[in-house]
Amino acid sequence: DSFDILGDGVKELLVGRDDGMIEIYNFESADDPVLLHDYALSESISSIQGGCVGKDGYDEILAATYSGWLTGLTTEPVHREGGSGEELKLSQEMQNKISSLRNELEHLQMKVLQEREKYQQSSQSSTAVSSVPAFSVNDKFTLNKDDASYSLILEVQTSIDNVLVQSDVPIDLLDVDKNSAVVSFSSCDSE
């Protein structure tokens, strides 16, 4: 997206990447764009948009991720400072917002407990049928021309415990900065 997130009258380029990076570029000169800010999410970004959503006068960047989460980055200051010995007073609007969020959180916790109880009861009945849920897998296997390597990217809407890669030819696995996996090698039985 292109949006004037800095409020200087010139639109910046907002980029959401498959690796979870949100980047803001500025075109200060006629040459190449300049990276102003970046922010890393834990999953790929499927859509990005700039605009005013949460509070008037403060622009935001909204990003939708692969699993459906909506993440917002705002220009609104998150910290307020008071003088020495001054207590920070919350406005009535802020107190109402906090109260509303607490009520919503309690409601969601109660709903989760009810659903867990319902699941426990249904799974212990004699007519219960077990099935493996179907998962949508977002996978990419792309060639990196710079170092002649392939990148394998796997995303699922649940946690991934193990990934087994089997190959008939010898392969080298390279570690990358964003990788949180523990690699274990084992030789294959020729039979």
N, C-alpha and C. Protein backbone atom coordinates (compact mmCIF):
# COMPACT_ATOMS: atom_id res chain seq x y z
N ASP A 1 0.85 -1.18 0.00
CA ASP A 1 0.00 0.00 0.00
C ASP A 1 0.89 1.23 0.00
N SER A 2 0.35 2.35 -0.43
CA SER A 2 1.05 3.63 -0.29
C SER A 2 0.17 4.53 0.57
N PHE A 3 0.77 5.10 1.61
CA PHE A 3 0.03 5.91 2.56
C PHE A 3 0.99 6.86 3.26
N ASP A 4 0.52 8.06 3.57
CA ASP A 4 1.35 9.06 4.26
C ASP A 4 1.30 8.79 5.76
N ILE A 5 2.06 7.81 6.22
CA ILE A 5 2.05 7.42 7.63
C ILE A 5 2.83 8.42 8.49
N LEU A 6 3.77 9.14 7.91
CA LEU A 6 4.56 10.12 8.67
C LEU A 6 3.86 11.47 8.78
N GLY A 7 2.85 11.70 7.95
CA GLY A 7 2.12 12.97 8.00
C GLY A 7 2.90 14.13 7.43
N ASP A 8 3.84 13.88 6.53
CA ASP A 8 4.64 14.95 5.94
C ASP A 8 4.16 15.35 4.55
N GLY A 9 3.02 14.84 4.12
CA GLY A 9 2.48 15.19 2.81
C GLY A 9 2.98 14.32 1.68
N VAL A 10 3.92 13.39 1.95
CA VAL A 10 4.44 12.50 0.92
C VAL A 10 4.11 11.07 1.33
N LYS A 11 3.52 10.33 0.40
CA LYS A 11 3.15 8.95 0.71
C LYS A 11 4.38 8.05 0.84
N GLU A 12 4.33 7.15 1.82
CA GLU A 12 5.37 6.15 1.99
C GLU A 12 4.86 4.83 1.42
N LEU A 13 5.78 3.94 1.11
CA LEU A 13 5.43 2.62 0.60
C LEU A 13 5.40 1.65 1.77
N LEU A 14 4.25 0.99 1.98
CA LEU A 14 4.08 0.00 3.04
C LEU A 14 4.16 -1.39 2.42
N VAL A 15 5.09 -2.20 2.92
CA VAL A 15 5.33 -3.52 2.33
C VAL A 15 5.13 -4.59 3.40
N GLY A 16 4.32 -5.60 3.10
CA GLY A 16 4.16 -6.77 3.95
C GLY A 16 4.71 -7.97 3.21
N ARG A 17 5.63 -8.69 3.84
CA ARG A 17 6.34 -9.77 3.15
C ARG A 17 5.92 -11.15 3.64
N ASP A 18 6.25 -12.16 2.83
CA ASP A 18 5.95 -13.54 3.17
C ASP A 18 6.69 -14.00 4.43
N ASP A 19 7.84 -13.40 4.71
CA ASP A 19 8.59 -13.83 5.90
C ASP A 19 8.13 -13.13 7.17
N GLY A 20 7.05 -12.33 7.09
CA GLY A 20 6.50 -11.68 8.28
C GLY A 20 7.01 -10.27 8.53
N MET A 21 7.81 -9.73 7.65
CA MET A 21 8.36 -8.39 7.84
C MET A 21 7.39 -7.33 7.31
N ILE A 22 7.19 -6.28 8.11
CA ILE A 22 6.48 -5.08 7.67
C ILE A 22 7.53 -4.01 7.51
N GLU A 23 7.58 -3.39 6.35
CA GLU A 23 8.60 -2.38 6.07
C GLU A 23 7.94 -1.10 5.56
N ILE A 24 8.51 0.03 5.97
CA ILE A 24 8.04 1.34 5.52
C ILE A 24 9.20 2.00 4.77
N TYR A 25 8.95 2.32 3.50
CA TYR A 25 9.96 2.95 2.66
C TYR A 25 9.55 4.37 2.33
N ASN A 26 10.54 5.26 2.26
CA ASN A 26 10.33 6.65 1.90
C ASN A 26 11.12 6.94 0.63
N PHE A 27 10.58 7.80 -0.21
CA PHE A 27 11.26 8.20 -1.44
C PHE A 27 11.78 9.61 -1.26
N GLU A 28 12.89 9.74 -0.54
CA GLU A 28 13.48 11.06 -0.27
C GLU A 28 14.17 11.64 -1.50
N SER A 29 14.72 10.77 -2.31
CA SER A 29 15.39 11.23 -3.52
C SER A 29 14.86 10.43 -4.70
N ALA A 30 15.31 10.77 -5.89
CA ALA A 30 14.82 10.11 -7.10
C ALA A 30 15.46 8.74 -7.29
N ASP A 31 16.46 8.41 -6.46
CA ASP A 31 17.16 7.13 -6.61
C ASP A 31 16.34 5.99 -6.01
N ASP A 32 16.93 5.30 -5.10
CA ASP A 32 16.28 4.13 -4.50
C ASP A 32 15.47 4.52 -3.27
N PRO A 33 14.44 3.75 -2.95
CA PRO A 33 13.67 4.01 -1.72
C PRO A 33 14.53 3.75 -0.49
N VAL A 34 14.22 4.48 0.60
CA VAL A 34 14.98 4.37 1.85
C VAL A 34 14.11 3.68 2.89
N LEU A 35 14.63 2.61 3.51
CA LEU A 35 13.90 1.91 4.56
C LEU A 35 13.90 2.77 5.82
N LEU A 36 12.69 3.17 6.26
CA LEU A 36 12.56 3.99 7.47
C LEU A 36 12.36 3.15 8.72
N HIS A 37 11.43 2.22 8.65
CA HIS A 37 11.10 1.38 9.80
C HIS A 37 10.79 -0.03 9.31
N ASP A 38 11.01 -1.01 10.20
CA ASP A 38 10.56 -2.37 9.92
C ASP A 38 10.11 -3.01 11.22
N TYR A 39 9.25 -4.00 11.08
CA TYR A 39 8.69 -4.71 12.23
C TYR A 39 8.47 -6.15 11.81
N ALA A 40 8.86 -7.10 12.67
CA ALA A 40 8.77 -8.52 12.32
C ALA A 40 7.60 -9.18 13.03
N LEU A 41 6.78 -9.89 12.26
CA LEU A 41 5.72 -10.72 12.80
C LEU A 41 6.16 -12.18 12.66
N SER A 42 5.44 -13.07 13.33
CA SER A 42 5.85 -14.48 13.34
C SER A 42 5.27 -15.29 12.19
N GLU A 43 4.47 -14.70 11.33
CA GLU A 43 3.90 -15.42 10.20
C GLU A 43 3.77 -14.50 8.99
N SER A 44 3.52 -15.10 7.84
CA SER A 44 3.50 -14.31 6.61
C SER A 44 2.31 -13.34 6.59
N ILE A 45 2.51 -12.26 5.87
CA ILE A 45 1.50 -11.20 5.78
C ILE A 45 0.79 -11.35 4.45
N SER A 46 -0.55 -11.42 4.53
CA SER A 46 -1.31 -11.60 3.29
C SER A 46 -1.87 -10.28 2.77
N SER A 47 -1.97 -9.25 3.63
CA SER A 47 -2.49 -7.96 3.19
C SER A 47 -2.00 -6.87 4.13
N ILE A 48 -1.83 -5.66 3.59
CA ILE A 48 -1.39 -4.52 4.40
C ILE A 48 -2.10 -3.26 3.91
N GLN A 49 -2.46 -2.39 4.85
CA GLN A 49 -3.20 -1.17 4.49
C GLN A 49 -2.89 -0.08 5.50
N GLY A 50 -2.75 1.14 5.05
CA GLY A 50 -2.57 2.29 5.93
C GLY A 50 -3.86 3.07 6.03
N GLY A 51 -4.09 3.71 7.19
CA GLY A 51 -5.30 4.50 7.38
C GLY A 51 -5.49 4.90 8.83
N CYS A 52 -6.60 5.56 9.12
CA CYS A 52 -6.94 5.96 10.47
C CYS A 52 -8.08 5.05 10.94
N VAL A 53 -7.81 4.21 11.93
CA VAL A 53 -8.77 3.20 12.33
C VAL A 53 -9.19 3.36 13.79
N GLY A 54 -8.23 3.38 14.70
CA GLY A 54 -8.53 3.32 16.13
C GLY A 54 -8.87 4.64 16.77
N LYS A 55 -8.14 5.69 16.47
CA LYS A 55 -8.33 6.97 17.13
C LYS A 55 -8.07 8.09 16.14
N ASP A 56 -8.97 9.07 16.14
CA ASP A 56 -8.81 10.20 15.22
C ASP A 56 -7.48 10.90 15.45
N GLY A 57 -6.83 11.26 14.36
CA GLY A 57 -5.58 12.00 14.45
C GLY A 57 -4.35 11.13 14.52
N TYR A 58 -4.51 9.80 14.64
CA TYR A 58 -3.37 8.90 14.70
C TYR A 58 -3.51 7.84 13.61
N ASP A 59 -2.61 7.90 12.64
CA ASP A 59 -2.64 6.95 11.53
C ASP A 59 -2.07 5.61 11.97
N GLU A 60 -2.50 4.56 11.25
CA GLU A 60 -2.09 3.21 11.60
C GLU A 60 -1.79 2.39 10.34
N ILE A 61 -1.04 1.33 10.56
CA ILE A 61 -0.82 0.33 9.52
C ILE A 61 -1.48 -0.95 10.01
N LEU A 62 -2.39 -1.50 9.21
CA LEU A 62 -3.04 -2.77 9.55
C LEU A 62 -2.51 -3.84 8.62
N ALA A 63 -2.17 -5.00 9.20
CA ALA A 63 -1.67 -6.12 8.43
C ALA A 63 -2.47 -7.36 8.79
N ALA A 64 -2.94 -8.07 7.77
CA ALA A 64 -3.62 -9.34 7.97
C ALA A 64 -2.60 -10.45 7.71
N THR A 65 -2.55 -11.43 8.63
CA THR A 65 -1.57 -12.50 8.51
C THR A 65 -2.22 -13.75 7.91
N TYR A 66 -1.38 -14.72 7.63
CA TYR A 66 -1.83 -15.96 6.98
C TYR A 66 -2.93 -16.66 7.79
N SER A 67 -2.78 -16.71 9.12
CA SER A 67 -3.76 -17.43 9.93
C SER A 67 -4.99 -16.59 10.26
N GLY A 68 -5.05 -15.34 9.77
CA GLY A 68 -6.24 -14.53 9.95
C GLY A 68 -6.13 -13.48 11.04
N TRP A 69 -5.00 -13.38 11.71
CA TRP A 69 -4.82 -12.34 12.72
C TRP A 69 -4.71 -10.98 12.05
N LEU A 70 -5.23 -9.97 12.72
CA LEU A 70 -5.13 -8.59 12.25
C LEU A 70 -4.24 -7.85 13.23
N THR A 71 -3.13 -7.32 12.76
CA THR A 71 -2.17 -6.62 13.60
C THR A 71 -2.12 -5.17 13.19
N GLY A 72 -2.07 -4.28 14.17
CA GLY A 72 -2.02 -2.85 13.89
C GLY A 72 -0.79 -2.21 14.50
N LEU A 73 -0.19 -1.32 13.74
CA LEU A 73 0.91 -0.49 14.22
C LEU A 73 0.41 0.95 14.17
N THR A 74 0.51 1.67 15.28
CA THR A 74 -0.07 3.00 15.34
C THR A 74 0.99 4.07 15.57
N THR A 75 0.64 5.29 15.21
CA THR A 75 1.51 6.43 15.47
C THR A 75 1.18 7.07 16.82
N GLU A 76 0.14 6.57 17.50
CA GLU A 76 -0.25 7.12 18.80
C GLU A 76 0.81 6.77 19.84
N PRO A 77 1.25 7.76 20.64
CA PRO A 77 2.24 7.46 21.68
C PRO A 77 1.65 6.47 22.69
N VAL A 78 2.44 5.46 23.06
CA VAL A 78 1.95 4.46 24.00
C VAL A 78 2.35 4.77 25.43
N HIS A 79 3.29 5.67 25.63
CA HIS A 79 3.74 6.03 26.97
C HIS A 79 3.41 7.49 27.24
N ARG A 80 2.98 7.73 28.46
CA ARG A 80 2.76 9.11 28.89
C ARG A 80 3.61 9.34 30.12
N GLU A 81 4.23 10.48 30.17
CA GLU A 81 5.10 10.77 31.29
C GLU A 81 4.49 11.86 32.15
N GLY A 82 4.63 11.69 33.45
CA GLY A 82 4.18 12.70 34.39
C GLY A 82 5.40 13.29 35.09
N GLY A 83 5.22 14.44 35.69
CA GLY A 83 6.31 15.06 36.42
C GLY A 83 6.61 14.27 37.69
N SER A 84 7.66 14.66 38.40
CA SER A 84 8.03 13.92 39.60
C SER A 84 6.94 14.05 40.65
N GLY A 85 6.54 12.93 41.23
CA GLY A 85 5.52 12.92 42.26
C GLY A 85 4.11 13.02 41.72
N GLU A 86 3.94 13.19 40.43
CA GLU A 86 2.62 13.30 39.82
C GLU A 86 2.06 11.92 39.56
N GLU A 87 0.81 11.72 39.87
CA GLU A 87 0.15 10.47 39.52
C GLU A 87 -0.47 10.62 38.14
N LEU A 88 -0.41 9.55 37.39
CA LEU A 88 -0.98 9.57 36.06
C LEU A 88 -2.48 9.27 36.17
N LYS A 89 -3.29 10.20 35.76
CA LYS A 89 -4.75 10.04 35.82
C LYS A 89 -5.23 9.54 34.46
N LEU A 90 -6.06 8.50 34.50
CA LEU A 90 -6.64 7.99 33.28
C LEU A 90 -7.94 8.73 32.99
N SER A 91 -8.13 9.06 31.74
CA SER A 91 -9.37 9.72 31.36
C SER A 91 -10.53 8.75 31.48
N GLN A 92 -11.73 9.28 31.54
CA GLN A 92 -12.91 8.43 31.66
C GLN A 92 -13.05 7.52 30.44
N GLU A 93 -12.68 8.05 29.28
CA GLU A 93 -12.73 7.25 28.05
C GLU A 93 -11.80 6.05 28.16
N MET A 94 -10.59 6.27 28.69
CA MET A 94 -9.62 5.19 28.82
C MET A 94 -10.07 4.18 29.87
N GLN A 95 -10.64 4.65 30.97
CA GLN A 95 -11.16 3.74 32.00
C GLN A 95 -12.30 2.89 31.45
N ASN A 96 -13.18 3.48 30.66
CA ASN A 96 -14.27 2.74 30.04
C ASN A 96 -13.74 1.68 29.07
N LYS A 97 -12.70 2.06 28.32
CA LYS A 97 -12.12 1.13 27.36
C LYS A 97 -11.48 -0.06 28.09
N ILE A 98 -10.77 0.21 29.18
CA ILE A 98 -10.14 -0.86 29.96
C ILE A 98 -11.21 -1.77 30.56
N SER A 99 -12.25 -1.18 31.10
CA SER A 99 -13.35 -1.96 31.69
C SER A 99 -14.02 -2.83 30.63
N SER A 100 -14.25 -2.28 29.46
CA SER A 100 -14.87 -3.03 28.37
C SER A 100 -13.99 -4.20 27.95
N LEU A 101 -12.69 -3.97 27.85
CA LEU A 101 -11.76 -5.04 27.46
C LEU A 101 -11.71 -6.14 28.52
N ARG A 102 -11.74 -5.76 29.80
CA ARG A 102 -11.75 -6.76 30.88
C ARG A 102 -13.02 -7.61 30.81
N ASN A 103 -14.17 -6.98 30.59
CA ASN A 103 -15.43 -7.72 30.48
C ASN A 103 -15.40 -8.68 29.29
N GLU A 104 -14.87 -8.20 28.17
CA GLU A 104 -14.79 -9.05 26.99
C GLU A 104 -13.86 -10.24 27.24
N LEU A 105 -12.74 -10.00 27.92
CA LEU A 105 -11.80 -11.07 28.24
C LEU A 105 -12.44 -12.11 29.15
N GLU A 106 -13.16 -11.67 30.18
CA GLU A 106 -13.85 -12.61 31.07
C GLU A 106 -14.89 -13.43 30.31
N HIS A 107 -15.63 -12.78 29.41
CA HIS A 107 -16.63 -13.48 28.61
C HIS A 107 -15.97 -14.56 27.74
N LEU A 108 -14.84 -14.22 27.11
CA LEU A 108 -14.15 -15.19 26.26
C LEU A 108 -13.58 -16.34 27.09
N GLN A 109 -13.07 -16.05 28.29
CA GLN A 109 -12.56 -17.12 29.14
C GLN A 109 -13.67 -18.08 29.55
N MET A 110 -14.85 -17.54 29.87
CA MET A 110 -15.98 -18.39 30.23
C MET A 110 -16.40 -19.26 29.03
N LYS A 111 -16.40 -18.67 27.84
CA LYS A 111 -16.79 -19.40 26.63
C LYS A 111 -15.81 -20.54 26.35
N VAL A 112 -14.51 -20.29 26.54
CA VAL A 112 -13.50 -21.33 26.34
C VAL A 112 -13.71 -22.47 27.34
N LEU A 113 -13.97 -22.13 28.61
CA LEU A 113 -14.21 -23.17 29.62
C LEU A 113 -15.43 -24.01 29.26
N GLN A 114 -16.50 -23.37 28.79
CA GLN A 114 -17.70 -24.11 28.41
C GLN A 114 -17.42 -25.05 27.23
N GLU A 115 -16.68 -24.57 26.25
CA GLU A 115 -16.37 -25.39 25.08
C GLU A 115 -15.46 -26.55 25.47
N ARG A 116 -14.52 -26.33 26.40
CA ARG A 116 -13.66 -27.42 26.87
C ARG A 116 -14.47 -28.49 27.58
N GLU A 117 -15.39 -28.06 28.41
CA GLU A 117 -16.25 -29.02 29.12
C GLU A 117 -17.10 -29.81 28.13
N LYS A 118 -17.64 -29.11 27.13
CA LYS A 118 -18.46 -29.77 26.12
C LYS A 118 -17.62 -30.80 25.35
N TYR A 119 -16.38 -30.45 25.02
CA TYR A 119 -15.50 -31.37 24.30
C TYR A 119 -15.16 -32.58 25.17
N GLN A 120 -14.85 -32.34 26.45
CA GLN A 120 -14.54 -33.45 27.36
C GLN A 120 -15.71 -34.42 27.45
N GLN A 121 -16.91 -33.89 27.57
CA GLN A 121 -18.09 -34.76 27.67
C GLN A 121 -18.31 -35.55 26.39
N SER A 122 -18.17 -34.91 25.25
CA SER A 122 -18.39 -35.60 23.99
C SER A 122 -17.30 -36.63 23.70
N SER A 123 -16.06 -36.35 24.12
CA SER A 123 -14.97 -37.29 23.83
C SER A 123 -15.02 -38.52 24.73
N GLN A 124 -15.70 -38.42 25.86
CA GLN A 124 -15.79 -39.56 26.77
C GLN A 124 -17.04 -40.40 26.55
N SER A 125 -17.91 -39.98 25.68
CA SER A 125 -19.13 -40.75 25.42
C SER A 125 -18.79 -41.97 24.56
N SER A 126 -19.65 -42.98 24.60
CA SER A 126 -19.39 -44.22 23.86
C SER A 126 -19.61 -44.04 22.36
N THR A 127 -20.30 -43.00 21.96
CA THR A 127 -20.57 -42.77 20.54
C THR A 127 -19.60 -41.78 19.91
N ALA A 128 -18.58 -41.37 20.66
CA ALA A 128 -17.63 -40.38 20.15
C ALA A 128 -16.81 -40.96 19.01
N VAL A 129 -16.60 -40.16 17.98
CA VAL A 129 -15.79 -40.55 16.84
C VAL A 129 -14.61 -39.59 16.76
N SER A 130 -13.42 -40.14 16.69
CA SER A 130 -12.22 -39.31 16.62
C SER A 130 -11.86 -39.07 15.16
N SER A 131 -11.48 -37.86 14.85
CA SER A 131 -11.05 -37.55 13.50
C SER A 131 -9.93 -36.51 13.56
N VAL A 132 -9.06 -36.58 12.60
CA VAL A 132 -7.97 -35.62 12.50
C VAL A 132 -8.48 -34.42 11.70
N PRO A 133 -8.38 -33.21 12.26
CA PRO A 133 -8.87 -32.05 11.52
C PRO A 133 -8.02 -31.78 10.29
N ALA A 134 -8.65 -31.27 9.27
CA ALA A 134 -7.93 -30.91 8.04
C ALA A 134 -7.29 -29.53 8.22
N PHE A 135 -6.01 -29.43 7.89
CA PHE A 135 -5.29 -28.18 8.01
C PHE A 135 -4.92 -27.66 6.63
N SER A 136 -5.06 -26.38 6.47
CA SER A 136 -4.60 -25.75 5.25
C SER A 136 -3.12 -25.42 5.43
N VAL A 137 -2.28 -25.93 4.55
CA VAL A 137 -0.84 -25.73 4.66
C VAL A 137 -0.41 -24.73 3.60
N ASN A 138 0.29 -23.70 4.04
CA ASN A 138 0.87 -22.71 3.14
C ASN A 138 2.33 -23.09 2.97
N ASP A 139 2.71 -23.57 1.79
CA ASP A 139 4.09 -24.03 1.60
C ASP A 139 4.70 -23.35 0.37
N LYS A 140 5.99 -23.10 0.48
CA LYS A 140 6.74 -22.51 -0.63
C LYS A 140 8.12 -23.15 -0.67
N PHE A 141 8.59 -23.45 -1.85
CA PHE A 141 9.92 -24.01 -2.05
C PHE A 141 10.54 -23.20 -3.18
N THR A 142 11.35 -22.21 -2.83
CA THR A 142 11.84 -21.25 -3.82
C THR A 142 13.37 -21.27 -3.89
N LEU A 143 13.85 -20.99 -5.08
CA LEU A 143 15.29 -20.93 -5.32
C LEU A 143 15.82 -19.55 -4.99
N ASN A 144 16.88 -19.50 -4.20
CA ASN A 144 17.59 -18.26 -3.90
C ASN A 144 18.80 -18.22 -4.84
N LYS A 145 18.74 -17.34 -5.85
CA LYS A 145 19.79 -17.30 -6.87
C LYS A 145 21.13 -16.81 -6.34
N ASP A 146 21.11 -16.01 -5.27
CA ASP A 146 22.35 -15.43 -4.76
C ASP A 146 23.32 -16.49 -4.23
N ASP A 147 22.81 -17.48 -3.49
CA ASP A 147 23.70 -18.50 -2.93
C ASP A 147 23.35 -19.92 -3.39
N ALA A 148 22.55 -20.03 -4.44
CA ALA A 148 22.18 -21.31 -5.04
C ALA A 148 21.60 -22.28 -4.01
N SER A 149 20.69 -21.77 -3.19
CA SER A 149 20.02 -22.62 -2.21
C SER A 149 18.52 -22.52 -2.41
N TYR A 150 17.81 -23.45 -1.81
CA TYR A 150 16.35 -23.43 -1.83
C TYR A 150 15.85 -23.09 -0.44
N SER A 151 14.77 -22.33 -0.38
CA SER A 151 14.11 -22.03 0.89
C SER A 151 12.80 -22.79 0.94
N LEU A 152 12.63 -23.56 2.02
CA LEU A 152 11.38 -24.28 2.25
C LEU A 152 10.66 -23.54 3.37
N ILE A 153 9.47 -23.03 3.07
CA ILE A 153 8.68 -22.28 4.04
C ILE A 153 7.37 -23.02 4.23
N LEU A 154 7.07 -23.39 5.48
CA LEU A 154 5.85 -24.09 5.83
C LEU A 154 5.10 -23.30 6.87
N GLU A 155 3.80 -23.09 6.64
CA GLU A 155 2.94 -22.42 7.62
C GLU A 155 1.65 -23.20 7.76
N VAL A 156 1.25 -23.42 9.00
CA VAL A 156 0.00 -24.09 9.31
C VAL A 156 -0.66 -23.28 10.41
N GLN A 157 -1.97 -23.34 10.50
CA GLN A 157 -2.68 -22.55 11.48
C GLN A 157 -2.68 -23.18 12.86
N THR A 158 -1.73 -24.04 13.12
CA THR A 158 -1.51 -24.64 14.43
C THR A 158 -0.01 -24.82 14.60
N SER A 159 0.43 -25.19 15.78
CA SER A 159 1.88 -25.32 15.98
C SER A 159 2.40 -26.55 15.24
N ILE A 160 3.62 -26.44 14.75
CA ILE A 160 4.28 -27.53 14.03
C ILE A 160 5.27 -28.16 15.00
N ASP A 161 5.08 -29.45 15.28
CA ASP A 161 5.99 -30.14 16.19
C ASP A 161 7.18 -30.72 15.46
N ASN A 162 6.94 -31.38 14.34
CA ASN A 162 8.02 -32.04 13.60
C ASN A 162 7.80 -31.86 12.10
N VAL A 163 8.91 -31.72 11.38
CA VAL A 163 8.90 -31.74 9.92
C VAL A 163 9.95 -32.75 9.50
N LEU A 164 9.54 -33.74 8.71
CA LEU A 164 10.45 -34.77 8.24
C LEU A 164 10.77 -34.50 6.78
N VAL A 165 12.05 -34.35 6.46
CA VAL A 165 12.49 -34.16 5.09
C VAL A 165 13.31 -35.38 4.72
N GLN A 166 12.87 -36.08 3.68
CA GLN A 166 13.57 -37.28 3.24
C GLN A 166 14.04 -37.04 1.81
N SER A 167 15.30 -37.40 1.54
CA SER A 167 15.86 -37.15 0.23
C SER A 167 16.69 -38.35 -0.21
N ASP A 168 16.63 -38.65 -1.52
CA ASP A 168 17.44 -39.73 -2.08
C ASP A 168 18.87 -39.29 -2.35
N VAL A 169 19.10 -37.98 -2.37
CA VAL A 169 20.45 -37.44 -2.62
C VAL A 169 20.90 -36.69 -1.36
N PRO A 170 22.20 -36.60 -1.15
CA PRO A 170 22.69 -35.87 0.03
C PRO A 170 22.31 -34.39 -0.04
N ILE A 171 21.86 -33.83 1.08
CA ILE A 171 21.51 -32.41 1.14
C ILE A 171 22.17 -31.78 2.36
N ASP A 172 22.41 -30.49 2.29
CA ASP A 172 22.91 -29.71 3.41
C ASP A 172 21.79 -28.78 3.85
N LEU A 173 21.50 -28.76 5.14
CA LEU A 173 20.50 -27.85 5.68
C LEU A 173 21.21 -26.64 6.25
N LEU A 174 20.84 -25.46 5.80
CA LEU A 174 21.45 -24.22 6.25
C LEU A 174 20.54 -23.55 7.26
N ASP A 175 21.12 -23.01 8.31
CA ASP A 175 20.34 -22.31 9.33
C ASP A 175 20.17 -20.85 8.91
N VAL A 176 19.00 -20.29 9.22
CA VAL A 176 18.73 -18.89 8.94
C VAL A 176 18.34 -18.21 10.25
N ASP A 177 18.40 -16.87 10.26
CA ASP A 177 18.14 -16.11 11.49
C ASP A 177 16.74 -16.35 12.04
N LYS A 178 15.73 -16.42 11.18
CA LYS A 178 14.35 -16.54 11.64
C LYS A 178 13.96 -17.96 12.00
N ASN A 179 14.88 -18.92 11.83
CA ASN A 179 14.56 -20.32 12.08
C ASN A 179 14.60 -20.62 13.58
N SER A 180 13.54 -21.21 14.11
CA SER A 180 13.53 -21.60 15.52
C SER A 180 13.56 -23.11 15.66
N ALA A 181 13.78 -23.82 14.57
CA ALA A 181 13.76 -25.28 14.59
C ALA A 181 15.09 -25.84 15.08
N VAL A 182 15.03 -27.04 15.64
CA VAL A 182 16.22 -27.79 16.02
C VAL A 182 16.38 -28.88 14.97
N VAL A 183 17.52 -28.87 14.27
CA VAL A 183 17.75 -29.80 13.17
C VAL A 183 18.39 -31.07 13.70
N SER A 184 17.88 -32.21 13.27
CA SER A 184 18.42 -33.50 13.66
C SER A 184 18.64 -34.31 12.39
N PHE A 185 19.87 -34.82 12.20
CA PHE A 185 20.19 -35.61 11.02
C PHE A 185 20.22 -37.09 11.38
N SER A 186 19.73 -37.91 10.47
CA SER A 186 19.86 -39.36 10.64
C SER A 186 20.07 -39.97 9.27
N SER A 187 20.93 -40.98 9.22
CA SER A 187 21.19 -41.61 7.93
C SER A 187 20.02 -42.53 7.59
N CYS A 188 19.79 -42.65 6.30
CA CYS A 188 18.66 -43.44 5.82
C CYS A 188 19.10 -44.87 5.59
N ASP A 189 18.24 -45.79 5.94
CA ASP A 189 18.51 -47.22 5.67
C ASP A 189 18.37 -47.46 4.18
N SER A 190 19.36 -48.01 3.56
CA SER A 190 19.36 -48.18 2.09
C SER A 190 18.26 -49.12 1.61
N GLU A 191 17.78 -49.99 2.49
CA GLU A 191 16.71 -50.91 2.08
C GLU A 191 15.37 -50.24 2.20
